[in-house]
Amino acid sequence: MHRKRGFSMEKKKARWGWVFVTPSLILFAAFSFYPIINAFYESFFNRNLLSLRPPRFVGWDNYIYLFGSKDFWLSVQNTLIFTLGTFLPLLVFSLVLAVFIMSIKRFRRFFQMAFYSPAVLSSVVAALIWLLIFDPRGLANQGLNALMGTAGVNYNWLSTTGMLRLSTIVVYFWKYIGYFTVIFVSGIGSIPDTLREAALIDGANRWTLFWYVTLPLLKPTTMLVSIMAMIQCLKTFSTQYMFTNAGAPTRPINVITLNIYNTAIKDYRIGRATAMSILLFIVMFAFTWLQLKVSRTEEVSHM
């Protein structure tokens, strides 16, 4: 009798759980799953926004065109350069800053708020701020001139290929370093103090404590940060869009998302743009799946 009552109670809890979860699932499906499915469907058609003719089915032609397009592969190259140049510094320095914040007792909240504050800004506002900094008369040139002992030198932050790519990396690093630092701070804070105290009693110094205790226990947090940072870098758009609109050359920073926008909005070729978006989605999904699989494999091996 008691088992039946408990079973019915569990069924009631599960039923009410579905009642509360269903609206969010419907919204998530409407605004996430449906656009992905619709984009995959549209990628098999040749649709022109300015034409009144119905879309023409072309099969895999859009994908075949992209794989043979130099412009597409240039955007892939630019995306890889930006992702590698931003992802690795974000991961390393956010961890270093989190360890630094957790090692101090005073002003800990202040440092967290100070590092996190750029993440509150929208990407467009962040790009506008750095456009002023990268101006020939801005703080970037003034700071480098003071550091290098030069006077009045223009380092061409928004004109030469290397400096333009570096400038987009700097903007993203500045905006998101605090966000991932706070996540690492939460991860370090969840580690029991008893483990650190036991390691210190056994004679461990701060370096061995970090390397053999803190870092292994931070693997779930590190995996979360790496996935989020990778996805954020792959879908970068606002900074490159604002920089090109301000007069910077498009070719060095024509990442995939900017190429998708220009193909759809300026060239009116929705089929090719959706095909590019599907390829980008597949890459992002593959990286996420691979990182999760590697993390689970390591967990199983440690067990």
Protein backbone atom coordinates (compact mmCIF):
# COMPACT_ATOMS: atom_id res chain seq x y z
CA MET A 1 0.00 0.00 0.00
CA HIS A 2 2.80 2.35 0.95
CA ARG A 3 4.64 1.53 -2.29
CA LYS A 4 1.53 2.29 -4.38
CA ARG A 5 1.08 5.63 -2.61
CA GLY A 6 4.72 6.52 -3.19
CA PHE A 7 4.50 5.49 -6.83
CA SER A 8 1.39 7.62 -7.39
CA MET A 9 3.09 10.56 -5.71
CA GLU A 10 6.06 10.22 -8.05
CA LYS A 11 3.71 10.12 -11.03
CA LYS A 12 2.00 13.29 -9.85
CA LYS A 13 5.37 15.03 -9.44
CA ALA A 14 6.44 13.92 -12.92
CA ARG A 15 3.12 15.08 -14.40
CA TRP A 16 3.38 18.52 -12.81
CA GLY A 17 7.01 18.68 -13.85
CA TRP A 18 5.98 18.25 -17.47
CA VAL A 19 3.26 20.90 -17.01
CA PHE A 20 5.84 23.47 -15.91
CA VAL A 21 8.51 22.44 -18.44
CA THR A 22 6.27 22.18 -21.52
CA PRO A 23 5.89 25.97 -22.16
CA SER A 24 9.66 26.48 -22.12
CA LEU A 25 10.13 23.44 -24.38
CA ILE A 26 7.59 24.85 -26.85
CA LEU A 27 9.33 28.23 -26.90
CA PHE A 28 12.75 26.58 -27.22
CA ALA A 29 11.53 24.44 -30.12
CA ALA A 30 9.90 27.44 -31.83
CA PHE A 31 12.94 29.69 -31.58
CA SER A 32 15.77 27.13 -31.77
CA PHE A 33 14.79 23.83 -33.38
CA TYR A 34 12.47 25.25 -36.03
CA PRO A 35 14.98 27.84 -37.38
CA ILE A 36 17.65 25.12 -37.67
CA ILE A 37 15.30 22.77 -39.54
CA ASN A 38 14.00 25.59 -41.73
CA ALA A 39 17.56 26.75 -42.53
CA PHE A 40 18.50 23.21 -43.57
CA TYR A 41 15.40 23.10 -45.80
CA GLU A 42 16.11 26.52 -47.35
CA SER A 43 19.71 25.56 -48.12
CA PHE A 44 18.45 23.25 -50.88
CA PHE A 45 16.73 26.09 -52.72
CA ASN A 46 17.81 29.07 -54.78
CA ARG A 47 15.83 31.98 -53.32
CA ASN A 48 16.34 35.65 -54.23
CA LEU A 49 14.87 38.18 -51.80
CA LEU A 50 14.09 40.71 -54.52
CA SER A 51 12.45 38.24 -56.89
CA LEU A 52 8.75 37.39 -56.86
CA ARG A 53 9.44 33.99 -58.40
CA PRO A 54 9.04 30.95 -56.13
CA PRO A 55 12.30 29.44 -54.86
CA ARG A 56 13.88 26.90 -57.19
CA PHE A 57 15.05 23.54 -55.82
CA VAL A 58 18.77 23.08 -56.53
CA GLY A 59 19.64 20.18 -54.25
CA TRP A 60 23.23 20.22 -53.03
CA ASP A 61 24.31 22.95 -55.46
CA ASN A 62 24.65 25.60 -52.75
CA TYR A 63 27.00 23.36 -50.74
CA ILE A 64 28.99 22.41 -53.86
CA TYR A 65 29.36 26.09 -54.73
CA LEU A 66 30.60 26.93 -51.22
CA PHE A 67 33.23 24.19 -51.20
CA GLY A 68 34.58 25.59 -54.47
CA SER A 69 34.36 29.24 -53.42
CA LYS A 70 37.60 31.05 -52.51
CA ASP A 71 35.59 33.68 -50.64
CA PHE A 72 34.03 31.01 -48.41
CA TRP A 73 37.37 29.37 -47.61
CA LEU A 74 38.84 32.80 -46.83
CA SER A 75 36.04 33.36 -44.31
CA VAL A 76 36.79 29.91 -42.83
CA GLN A 77 40.46 30.87 -42.53
CA ASN A 78 39.60 34.20 -40.91
CA THR A 79 37.26 32.47 -38.47
CA LEU A 80 39.95 29.94 -37.49
CA ILE A 81 42.54 32.69 -36.98
CA PHE A 82 40.15 34.68 -34.82
CA THR A 83 38.99 31.63 -32.84
CA LEU A 84 42.49 30.35 -32.07
CA GLY A 85 43.76 33.85 -31.30
CA THR A 86 40.89 34.52 -28.89
CA PHE A 87 39.94 31.13 -27.44
CA LEU A 88 43.34 30.13 -25.99
CA PRO A 89 44.09 33.50 -24.29
CA LEU A 90 40.54 33.62 -22.91
CA LEU A 91 40.84 30.15 -21.41
CA VAL A 92 44.32 30.65 -19.92
CA PHE A 93 44.03 34.21 -18.62
CA SER A 94 40.53 33.76 -17.19
CA LEU A 95 41.86 30.84 -15.15
CA VAL A 96 44.90 32.85 -14.02
CA LEU A 97 42.74 35.81 -13.01
CA ALA A 98 40.33 33.53 -11.13
CA VAL A 99 43.21 31.99 -9.16
CA PHE A 100 44.52 35.49 -8.41
CA ILE A 101 41.10 36.68 -7.20
CA MET A 102 40.62 33.64 -4.98
CA SER A 103 44.12 34.04 -3.51
CA ILE A 104 43.36 37.50 -2.08
CA LYS A 105 41.03 38.19 0.83
CA ARG A 106 40.41 41.91 0.44
CA PHE A 107 38.68 43.54 -2.55
CA ARG A 108 37.67 40.15 -3.98
CA ARG A 109 34.17 41.34 -4.85
CA PHE A 110 35.55 44.54 -6.34
CA PHE A 111 37.87 42.67 -8.72
CA GLN A 112 35.07 40.33 -9.79
CA MET A 113 32.79 43.27 -10.57
CA ALA A 114 35.57 45.18 -12.34
CA PHE A 115 36.51 42.26 -14.60
CA TYR A 116 32.89 41.31 -15.24
CA SER A 117 31.63 44.81 -16.09
CA PRO A 118 32.58 44.70 -19.85
CA ALA A 119 30.47 41.55 -20.26
CA VAL A 120 27.38 43.59 -19.37
CA LEU A 121 27.87 45.78 -22.45
CA SER A 122 26.43 44.71 -25.77
CA SER A 123 28.89 43.68 -28.48
CA VAL A 124 27.98 46.73 -30.55
CA VAL A 125 28.74 49.14 -27.70
CA ALA A 126 32.02 47.34 -26.99
CA ALA A 127 33.01 47.65 -30.67
CA LEU A 128 32.15 51.36 -30.68
CA ILE A 129 34.27 51.96 -27.57
CA TRP A 130 37.26 50.24 -29.15
CA LEU A 131 36.76 52.06 -32.45
CA LEU A 132 37.48 55.25 -30.51
CA ILE A 133 40.48 53.65 -28.80
CA PHE A 134 41.90 52.38 -32.12
CA ASP A 135 41.48 55.78 -33.77
CA PRO A 136 44.84 57.25 -34.98
CA ARG A 137 44.55 59.81 -32.17
CA GLY A 138 43.14 57.28 -29.69
CA LEU A 139 44.51 55.64 -26.57
CA ALA A 140 45.89 52.58 -28.40
CA ASN A 141 48.43 54.59 -30.38
CA GLN A 142 49.20 56.84 -27.42
CA GLY A 143 49.80 53.85 -25.16
CA LEU A 144 52.06 52.06 -27.66
CA ASN A 145 53.98 55.26 -28.36
CA ALA A 146 54.57 55.72 -24.63
CA LEU A 147 55.57 52.07 -24.23
CA MET A 148 57.86 51.95 -27.29
CA GLY A 149 59.36 55.40 -26.73
CA THR A 150 58.08 56.72 -30.04
CA ALA A 151 56.09 59.86 -30.76
CA GLY A 152 53.21 60.34 -33.17
CA VAL A 153 53.46 56.89 -34.78
CA ASN A 154 50.23 55.45 -36.20
CA TYR A 155 50.18 51.67 -35.75
CA ASN A 156 47.29 51.28 -38.24
CA TRP A 157 45.05 49.25 -35.97
CA LEU A 158 42.16 49.31 -38.47
CA SER A 159 43.97 49.22 -41.80
CA THR A 160 46.74 46.60 -41.97
CA THR A 161 45.80 42.91 -42.01
CA GLY A 162 47.70 41.82 -38.91
CA MET A 163 46.72 44.78 -36.73
CA LEU A 164 43.08 44.60 -37.82
CA ARG A 165 42.85 40.93 -36.86
CA LEU A 166 44.60 41.69 -33.58
CA SER A 167 42.18 44.52 -32.84
CA THR A 168 39.13 42.24 -33.19
CA ILE A 169 40.80 39.71 -30.89
CA VAL A 170 41.51 42.44 -28.31
CA VAL A 171 37.88 43.57 -28.32
CA TYR A 172 36.54 40.07 -27.70
CA PHE A 173 39.21 39.31 -25.09
CA TRP A 174 38.38 42.51 -23.19
CA LYS A 175 34.63 41.85 -23.31
CA TYR A 176 34.56 38.20 -22.26
CA ILE A 177 37.61 37.72 -20.03
CA GLY A 178 35.67 38.80 -16.94
CA TYR A 179 32.69 36.61 -17.77
CA PHE A 180 34.76 33.43 -17.90
CA THR A 181 36.83 34.56 -14.91
CA VAL A 182 33.68 34.67 -12.77
CA ILE A 183 32.77 31.15 -13.91
CA PHE A 184 36.23 29.90 -12.88
CA VAL A 185 35.90 31.74 -9.55
CA SER A 186 32.65 29.85 -8.91
CA GLY A 187 34.38 26.58 -9.82
CA ILE A 188 37.31 27.22 -7.49
CA GLY A 189 34.94 28.28 -4.72
CA SER A 190 33.08 24.95 -4.98
CA ILE A 191 36.25 22.97 -4.17
CA PRO A 192 36.14 21.89 -0.48
CA ASP A 193 38.66 23.70 1.73
CA THR A 194 39.44 20.42 3.47
CA LEU A 195 41.23 19.14 0.35
CA ARG A 196 43.46 22.22 0.20
CA GLU A 197 44.17 22.03 3.93
CA ALA A 198 45.05 18.34 3.67
CA ALA A 199 47.44 19.03 0.78
CA LEU A 200 49.12 21.88 2.70
CA ILE A 201 49.51 19.65 5.75
CA ASP A 202 51.18 17.03 3.54
CA GLY A 203 53.76 19.66 2.51
CA ALA A 204 52.39 20.91 -0.78
CA ASN A 205 53.30 24.44 -1.86
CA ARG A 206 50.99 26.79 -3.75
CA TRP A 207 52.15 25.56 -7.17
CA THR A 208 51.71 21.84 -6.42
CA LEU A 209 48.39 22.64 -4.72
CA PHE A 210 47.16 24.31 -7.89
CA TRP A 211 48.59 21.72 -10.29
CA TYR A 212 47.59 18.52 -8.46
CA VAL A 213 44.48 19.56 -6.52
CA THR A 214 42.79 22.66 -7.92
CA LEU A 215 43.30 22.07 -11.65
CA PRO A 216 42.09 18.42 -11.73
CA LEU A 217 38.98 19.35 -9.75
CA LEU A 218 38.34 22.23 -12.16
CA LYS A 219 38.00 19.95 -15.20
CA PRO A 220 34.18 20.25 -15.39
CA THR A 221 34.42 24.05 -15.14
CA THR A 222 37.27 24.15 -17.66
CA MET A 223 35.23 22.05 -20.08
CA LEU A 224 32.23 24.35 -19.66
CA VAL A 225 34.35 27.46 -20.24
CA SER A 226 36.13 25.93 -23.24
CA ILE A 227 32.84 24.98 -24.93
CA MET A 228 31.26 28.37 -24.26
CA ALA A 229 34.36 30.27 -25.38
CA MET A 230 34.72 28.19 -28.54
CA ILE A 231 31.09 28.70 -29.54
CA GLN A 232 31.29 32.42 -28.73
CA CYS A 233 34.38 32.83 -30.93
CA LEU A 234 32.95 30.84 -33.84
CA LYS A 235 29.78 32.94 -33.98
CA THR A 236 31.53 36.31 -33.71
CA PHE A 237 29.85 38.98 -35.82
CA SER A 238 29.21 42.38 -34.21
CA THR A 239 32.83 43.49 -33.90
CA GLN A 240 33.73 42.62 -37.48
CA TYR A 241 30.50 44.20 -38.75
CA MET A 242 31.07 47.47 -36.87
CA PHE A 243 34.73 47.66 -37.92
CA THR A 244 33.96 47.17 -41.61
CA ASN A 245 31.17 49.74 -41.44
CA ALA A 246 33.66 52.17 -39.92
CA GLY A 247 35.88 51.83 -43.00
CA ALA A 248 38.15 48.91 -42.12
CA PRO A 249 38.91 46.50 -45.00
CA THR A 250 36.55 43.53 -45.04
CA ARG A 251 38.88 40.84 -46.42
CA PRO A 252 41.10 40.26 -43.30
CA ILE A 253 38.13 39.96 -40.90
CA ASN A 254 35.47 38.49 -43.20
CA VAL A 255 34.50 35.69 -40.80
CA ILE A 256 31.79 33.15 -41.64
CA THR A 257 29.00 35.01 -39.84
CA LEU A 258 29.86 38.26 -41.65
CA ASN A 259 29.98 36.35 -44.93
CA ILE A 260 26.53 34.89 -44.16
CA TYR A 261 25.16 38.38 -43.52
CA ASN A 262 26.64 39.86 -46.68
CA THR A 263 25.49 36.92 -48.80
CA ALA A 264 21.92 37.10 -47.49
CA ILE A 265 21.34 40.84 -47.01
CA LYS A 266 23.60 42.40 -49.65
CA ASP A 267 23.69 39.70 -52.34
CA TYR A 268 20.11 38.48 -51.62
CA ARG A 269 21.16 34.82 -51.89
CA ILE A 270 19.32 33.17 -49.01
CA GLY A 271 20.11 29.60 -50.12
CA ARG A 272 23.87 30.08 -50.00
CA ALA A 273 23.67 32.00 -46.72
CA THR A 274 21.62 29.26 -45.03
CA ALA A 275 23.99 26.62 -46.40
CA MET A 276 26.88 28.48 -44.74
CA SER A 277 24.93 28.74 -41.49
CA ILE A 278 24.26 24.99 -41.53
CA LEU A 279 27.96 24.25 -42.08
CA LEU A 280 28.85 26.57 -39.19
CA PHE A 281 26.26 24.84 -36.99
CA ILE A 282 27.73 21.43 -37.84
CA VAL A 283 31.25 22.62 -36.92
CA MET A 284 30.04 24.09 -33.61
CA PHE A 285 28.09 20.94 -32.81
CA ALA A 286 31.10 18.74 -33.68
CA PHE A 287 33.45 20.73 -31.43
CA THR A 288 30.97 20.60 -28.55
CA TRP A 289 30.41 16.86 -28.96
CA LEU A 290 34.15 16.19 -29.17
CA GLN A 291 34.92 18.21 -26.05
CA LEU A 292 32.15 16.50 -24.09
CA LYS A 293 33.31 13.07 -25.26
CA VAL A 294 36.92 13.79 -24.26
CA SER A 295 35.82 14.99 -20.81
CA ARG A 296 33.69 11.87 -20.25
CA THR A 297 36.53 9.62 -21.41
CA GLU A 298 38.87 11.24 -18.89
CA GLU A 299 36.28 10.82 -16.11
CA VAL A 300 35.89 7.12 -16.91
CA SER A 301 39.67 6.59 -17.04
CA HIS A 302 40.11 8.24 -13.62
CA MET A 303 37.40 6.00 -12.15
